[in-house]
Amino acid sequence: MSDWHGAEWYSHKPVLGQGQPDDKLFHRQQKALENIDDLYGGDLILLPGDTNDGKWYLEDYINKYFPGSSAQDAVYKSGINCYGTIKNLFSSAGYEKILVAVGDHELGELI
């Protein structure tokens, strides 16, 4: 699943998929992944980069979602939220194993 960008929505939300009410996007993506699992099966999902937009260090983003945080703290919090939810999302759909590579967006599109 390259250039998915499907996890950006989770970067500014608490980690979803741990028993708290999940949002509609989580459930839509979960159903789509369950459908992929039903149709194709497989033991592993490869995410070769660009799971999100990755501009979590920008002042506008920080002020909107993590006011008062440093860029380092905002990126850290966003990463925990985003990647924690990715793990929960894919495992809830039947994919316990995912392999995520770093893309230009994960690096903040600085390269």
N, C-alpha and C. Protein backbone atom coordinates (compact mmCIF):
# COMPACT_ATOMS: atom_id res chain seq x y z
N MET A 1 0.85 -1.17 0.00
CA MET A 1 0.00 0.00 0.00
C MET A 1 0.89 1.23 0.00
N SER A 2 1.35 1.63 -1.17
CA SER A 2 2.24 2.79 -1.21
C SER A 2 1.44 4.09 -1.35
N ASP A 3 2.03 5.17 -0.88
CA ASP A 3 1.42 6.49 -0.93
C ASP A 3 -0.01 6.50 -0.38
N TRP A 4 -0.21 5.78 0.69
CA TRP A 4 -1.54 5.63 1.27
C TRP A 4 -2.04 6.95 1.86
N HIS A 5 -1.24 7.63 2.62
CA HIS A 5 -1.59 8.89 3.29
C HIS A 5 -2.85 8.77 4.14
N GLY A 6 -3.30 7.54 4.40
CA GLY A 6 -4.55 7.32 5.11
C GLY A 6 -4.48 7.50 6.61
N ALA A 7 -3.31 7.75 7.14
CA ALA A 7 -3.18 7.85 8.59
C ALA A 7 -2.98 9.28 9.08
N GLU A 8 -2.94 10.24 8.20
CA GLU A 8 -2.73 11.63 8.62
C GLU A 8 -3.81 12.08 9.60
N TRP A 9 -5.04 11.66 9.38
CA TRP A 9 -6.16 12.05 10.24
C TRP A 9 -5.91 11.68 11.69
N TYR A 10 -5.12 10.65 11.93
CA TYR A 10 -4.90 10.16 13.29
C TYR A 10 -3.78 10.88 14.03
N SER A 11 -3.01 11.67 13.33
CA SER A 11 -1.83 12.29 13.94
C SER A 11 -2.15 13.22 15.09
N HIS A 12 -3.31 13.81 15.08
CA HIS A 12 -3.67 14.76 16.14
C HIS A 12 -4.76 14.23 17.06
N LYS A 13 -5.02 12.92 17.00
CA LYS A 13 -6.03 12.31 17.86
C LYS A 13 -5.37 11.27 18.76
N PRO A 14 -5.94 11.01 19.92
CA PRO A 14 -5.39 9.93 20.75
C PRO A 14 -5.42 8.62 19.97
N VAL A 15 -4.55 7.70 20.31
CA VAL A 15 -4.46 6.43 19.61
C VAL A 15 -5.83 5.74 19.64
N LEU A 16 -6.34 5.43 18.46
CA LEU A 16 -7.64 4.79 18.33
C LEU A 16 -7.49 3.28 18.27
N GLY A 17 -8.60 2.59 18.55
CA GLY A 17 -8.61 1.15 18.44
C GLY A 17 -8.28 0.43 19.74
N GLN A 18 -8.38 1.13 20.85
CA GLN A 18 -8.07 0.53 22.15
C GLN A 18 -9.28 0.54 23.07
N GLY A 19 -10.46 0.37 22.51
CA GLY A 19 -11.66 0.29 23.32
C GLY A 19 -12.44 1.59 23.44
N GLN A 20 -11.81 2.73 23.19
CA GLN A 20 -12.55 3.99 23.24
C GLN A 20 -13.35 4.13 21.94
N PRO A 21 -14.36 4.97 21.92
CA PRO A 21 -15.13 5.14 20.69
C PRO A 21 -14.21 5.59 19.55
N ASP A 22 -14.22 4.83 18.50
CA ASP A 22 -13.40 5.16 17.33
C ASP A 22 -14.20 6.06 16.39
N ASP A 23 -13.50 6.73 15.49
CA ASP A 23 -14.22 7.60 14.58
C ASP A 23 -14.60 6.86 13.29
N LYS A 24 -15.41 7.53 12.49
CA LYS A 24 -15.95 6.93 11.28
C LYS A 24 -14.86 6.51 10.29
N LEU A 25 -13.81 7.32 10.18
CA LEU A 25 -12.73 6.98 9.25
C LEU A 25 -12.06 5.67 9.66
N PHE A 26 -11.82 5.51 10.94
CA PHE A 26 -11.21 4.27 11.44
C PHE A 26 -12.05 3.07 11.00
N HIS A 27 -13.35 3.16 11.17
CA HIS A 27 -14.22 2.04 10.82
C HIS A 27 -14.29 1.82 9.31
N ARG A 28 -14.30 2.88 8.52
CA ARG A 28 -14.29 2.72 7.06
C ARG A 28 -13.01 2.05 6.60
N GLN A 29 -11.88 2.52 7.13
CA GLN A 29 -10.61 1.92 6.75
C GLN A 29 -10.51 0.48 7.24
N GLN A 30 -11.03 0.21 8.43
CA GLN A 30 -11.02 -1.15 8.96
C GLN A 30 -11.81 -2.08 8.05
N LYS A 31 -12.99 -1.65 7.62
CA LYS A 31 -13.81 -2.46 6.71
C LYS A 31 -13.10 -2.70 5.39
N ALA A 32 -12.45 -1.68 4.85
CA ALA A 32 -11.71 -1.84 3.59
C ALA A 32 -10.58 -2.85 3.75
N LEU A 33 -9.85 -2.77 4.85
CA LEU A 33 -8.76 -3.71 5.10
C LEU A 33 -9.28 -5.12 5.34
N GLU A 34 -10.41 -5.25 6.03
CA GLU A 34 -11.02 -6.57 6.21
C GLU A 34 -11.42 -7.16 4.86
N ASN A 35 -11.92 -6.31 3.96
CA ASN A 35 -12.29 -6.76 2.62
C ASN A 35 -11.05 -7.24 1.85
N ILE A 36 -9.96 -6.51 1.96
CA ILE A 36 -8.71 -6.93 1.32
C ILE A 36 -8.26 -8.27 1.87
N ASP A 37 -8.34 -8.41 3.19
CA ASP A 37 -7.96 -9.67 3.83
C ASP A 37 -8.86 -10.82 3.36
N ASP A 38 -10.16 -10.56 3.28
CA ASP A 38 -11.10 -11.60 2.83
C ASP A 38 -10.83 -12.00 1.38
N LEU A 39 -10.56 -11.02 0.52
CA LEU A 39 -10.37 -11.30 -0.90
C LEU A 39 -9.00 -11.90 -1.22
N TYR A 40 -7.96 -11.38 -0.57
CA TYR A 40 -6.60 -11.75 -0.96
C TYR A 40 -5.82 -12.48 0.12
N GLY A 41 -6.26 -12.36 1.36
CA GLY A 41 -5.53 -13.00 2.45
C GLY A 41 -4.17 -12.37 2.65
N GLY A 42 -3.22 -13.20 3.00
CA GLY A 42 -1.86 -12.72 3.22
C GLY A 42 -1.55 -12.60 4.69
N ASP A 43 -0.28 -12.63 4.97
CA ASP A 43 0.19 -12.58 6.35
C ASP A 43 0.85 -11.25 6.69
N LEU A 44 1.06 -10.41 5.70
CA LEU A 44 1.86 -9.20 5.91
C LEU A 44 1.37 -8.10 4.99
N ILE A 45 1.32 -6.90 5.52
CA ILE A 45 1.04 -5.70 4.71
C ILE A 45 2.33 -4.89 4.65
N LEU A 46 2.70 -4.48 3.46
CA LEU A 46 3.86 -3.61 3.27
C LEU A 46 3.35 -2.19 3.02
N LEU A 47 3.88 -1.25 3.78
CA LEU A 47 3.56 0.16 3.61
C LEU A 47 4.87 0.87 3.27
N PRO A 48 5.20 0.95 1.97
CA PRO A 48 6.50 1.50 1.59
C PRO A 48 6.52 3.03 1.55
N GLY A 49 6.20 3.64 2.65
CA GLY A 49 6.32 5.08 2.78
C GLY A 49 5.04 5.84 2.50
N ASP A 50 5.02 7.06 3.00
CA ASP A 50 3.94 8.01 2.82
C ASP A 50 2.61 7.51 3.40
N THR A 51 2.67 7.16 4.67
CA THR A 51 1.45 6.78 5.40
C THR A 51 0.69 8.02 5.87
N ASN A 52 1.35 9.17 5.84
CA ASN A 52 0.78 10.42 6.33
C ASN A 52 1.37 11.57 5.53
N ASP A 53 0.99 12.79 5.88
CA ASP A 53 1.51 13.96 5.18
C ASP A 53 2.81 14.46 5.80
N GLY A 54 2.99 14.24 7.10
CA GLY A 54 4.26 14.45 7.77
C GLY A 54 4.73 15.86 7.99
N LYS A 55 3.87 16.84 7.90
CA LYS A 55 4.30 18.22 8.14
C LYS A 55 3.95 18.65 9.55
N TRP A 56 4.25 17.74 10.46
CA TRP A 56 3.88 17.92 11.86
C TRP A 56 4.76 18.95 12.57
N TYR A 57 5.83 19.36 11.99
CA TYR A 57 6.78 20.31 12.58
C TYR A 57 6.43 21.75 12.25
N LEU A 58 5.47 21.97 11.35
CA LEU A 58 5.12 23.32 10.93
C LEU A 58 4.34 24.06 12.00
N GLU A 59 4.59 25.34 12.10
CA GLU A 59 3.98 26.18 13.14
C GLU A 59 2.46 26.15 13.08
N ASP A 60 1.87 26.20 11.89
CA ASP A 60 0.41 26.17 11.76
C ASP A 60 -0.17 24.89 12.34
N TYR A 61 0.45 23.75 12.03
CA TYR A 61 0.00 22.47 12.54
C TYR A 61 0.12 22.43 14.06
N ILE A 62 1.26 22.84 14.57
CA ILE A 62 1.49 22.82 16.02
C ILE A 62 0.48 23.71 16.74
N ASN A 63 0.28 24.91 16.23
CA ASN A 63 -0.67 25.84 16.87
C ASN A 63 -2.10 25.31 16.85
N LYS A 64 -2.46 24.58 15.80
CA LYS A 64 -3.81 24.06 15.68
C LYS A 64 -4.05 22.85 16.59
N TYR A 65 -3.08 21.93 16.63
CA TYR A 65 -3.31 20.66 17.32
C TYR A 65 -2.56 20.50 18.65
N PHE A 66 -1.43 21.14 18.77
CA PHE A 66 -0.61 21.00 19.99
C PHE A 66 -0.08 22.36 20.44
N PRO A 67 -0.98 23.31 20.70
CA PRO A 67 -0.53 24.66 21.04
C PRO A 67 0.42 24.66 22.23
N GLY A 68 1.46 25.45 22.10
CA GLY A 68 2.45 25.57 23.17
C GLY A 68 3.53 24.51 23.13
N SER A 69 3.40 23.51 22.26
CA SER A 69 4.41 22.45 22.16
C SER A 69 5.55 22.90 21.28
N SER A 70 6.71 22.32 21.53
CA SER A 70 7.84 22.53 20.63
C SER A 70 7.61 21.67 19.39
N ALA A 71 8.34 21.93 18.34
CA ALA A 71 8.24 21.12 17.12
C ALA A 71 8.58 19.66 17.44
N GLN A 72 9.60 19.44 18.26
CA GLN A 72 9.98 18.07 18.62
C GLN A 72 8.85 17.35 19.36
N ASP A 73 8.21 18.03 20.30
CA ASP A 73 7.11 17.42 21.05
C ASP A 73 5.91 17.15 20.15
N ALA A 74 5.59 18.07 19.25
CA ALA A 74 4.46 17.88 18.34
C ALA A 74 4.69 16.70 17.41
N VAL A 75 5.91 16.58 16.89
CA VAL A 75 6.24 15.46 16.01
C VAL A 75 6.17 14.15 16.79
N TYR A 76 6.69 14.14 18.01
CA TYR A 76 6.66 12.94 18.84
C TYR A 76 5.21 12.52 19.13
N LYS A 77 4.39 13.46 19.59
CA LYS A 77 3.00 13.16 19.91
C LYS A 77 2.24 12.70 18.67
N SER A 78 2.47 13.36 17.57
CA SER A 78 1.80 12.99 16.31
C SER A 78 2.21 11.60 15.87
N GLY A 79 3.48 11.28 16.02
CA GLY A 79 3.95 9.94 15.66
C GLY A 79 3.33 8.85 16.51
N ILE A 80 3.26 9.09 17.82
CA ILE A 80 2.62 8.12 18.72
C ILE A 80 1.17 7.90 18.28
N ASN A 81 0.45 8.99 18.06
CA ASN A 81 -0.96 8.90 17.66
C ASN A 81 -1.12 8.19 16.32
N CYS A 82 -0.37 8.64 15.34
CA CYS A 82 -0.49 8.13 13.98
C CYS A 82 -0.10 6.66 13.89
N TYR A 83 1.09 6.34 14.34
CA TYR A 83 1.60 4.97 14.18
C TYR A 83 0.95 3.99 15.16
N GLY A 84 0.56 4.47 16.32
CA GLY A 84 -0.18 3.62 17.25
C GLY A 84 -1.53 3.23 16.66
N THR A 85 -2.19 4.18 16.01
CA THR A 85 -3.48 3.88 15.39
C THR A 85 -3.30 2.99 14.17
N ILE A 86 -2.25 3.20 13.38
CA ILE A 86 -1.99 2.32 12.24
C ILE A 86 -1.87 0.88 12.72
N LYS A 87 -1.09 0.67 13.76
CA LYS A 87 -0.91 -0.69 14.28
C LYS A 87 -2.25 -1.29 14.70
N ASN A 88 -3.04 -0.53 15.45
CA ASN A 88 -4.34 -1.01 15.91
C ASN A 88 -5.31 -1.24 14.75
N LEU A 89 -5.28 -0.34 13.77
CA LEU A 89 -6.17 -0.45 12.62
C LEU A 89 -5.91 -1.73 11.83
N PHE A 90 -4.66 -1.95 11.48
CA PHE A 90 -4.33 -3.11 10.67
C PHE A 90 -4.53 -4.41 11.44
N SER A 91 -4.17 -4.43 12.71
CA SER A 91 -4.35 -5.66 13.48
C SER A 91 -5.83 -5.96 13.70
N SER A 92 -6.65 -4.93 13.86
CA SER A 92 -8.09 -5.16 14.03
C SER A 92 -8.74 -5.70 12.76
N ALA A 93 -8.08 -5.48 11.62
CA ALA A 93 -8.61 -5.96 10.34
C ALA A 93 -8.01 -7.31 9.95
N GLY A 94 -7.17 -7.88 10.81
CA GLY A 94 -6.63 -9.21 10.53
C GLY A 94 -5.17 -9.25 10.12
N TYR A 95 -4.53 -8.10 10.08
CA TYR A 95 -3.12 -8.05 9.70
C TYR A 95 -2.27 -7.70 10.92
N GLU A 96 -1.78 -8.72 11.59
CA GLU A 96 -0.94 -8.52 12.76
C GLU A 96 0.46 -8.05 12.38
N LYS A 97 0.89 -8.39 11.18
CA LYS A 97 2.24 -8.04 10.74
C LYS A 97 2.16 -6.96 9.66
N ILE A 98 2.80 -5.83 9.95
CA ILE A 98 2.93 -4.78 8.94
C ILE A 98 4.38 -4.35 8.92
N LEU A 99 4.84 -3.98 7.76
CA LEU A 99 6.20 -3.49 7.60
C LEU A 99 6.09 -2.11 6.98
N VAL A 100 6.52 -1.11 7.73
CA VAL A 100 6.40 0.28 7.29
C VAL A 100 7.79 0.82 6.99
N ALA A 101 7.96 1.36 5.80
CA ALA A 101 9.22 1.98 5.41
C ALA A 101 9.08 3.50 5.54
N VAL A 102 10.20 4.15 5.64
CA VAL A 102 10.23 5.60 5.74
C VAL A 102 10.20 6.20 4.33
N GLY A 103 9.26 7.10 4.12
CA GLY A 103 9.17 7.82 2.86
C GLY A 103 9.47 9.30 3.08
N ASP A 104 9.40 10.07 2.01
CA ASP A 104 9.71 11.49 2.14
C ASP A 104 8.72 12.22 3.04
N HIS A 105 7.48 11.77 3.09
CA HIS A 105 6.51 12.43 3.95
C HIS A 105 6.74 12.10 5.42
N GLU A 106 7.17 10.89 5.72
CA GLU A 106 7.51 10.56 7.11
C GLU A 106 8.66 11.44 7.61
N LEU A 107 9.50 11.87 6.70
CA LEU A 107 10.62 12.74 7.07
C LEU A 107 10.22 14.21 7.06
N GLY A 108 8.95 14.49 6.84
CA GLY A 108 8.50 15.87 6.79
C GLY A 108 8.70 16.48 5.44
N GLU A 109 8.91 15.65 4.44
CA GLU A 109 9.11 16.07 3.05
C GLU A 109 10.27 17.07 2.93
N LEU A 110 11.30 16.84 3.73
CA LEU A 110 12.45 17.74 3.69
C LEU A 110 13.49 17.35 2.64
N ILE A 111 13.36 16.12 2.13
CA ILE A 111 14.39 15.68 1.17
C ILE A 111 13.94 15.92 -0.24
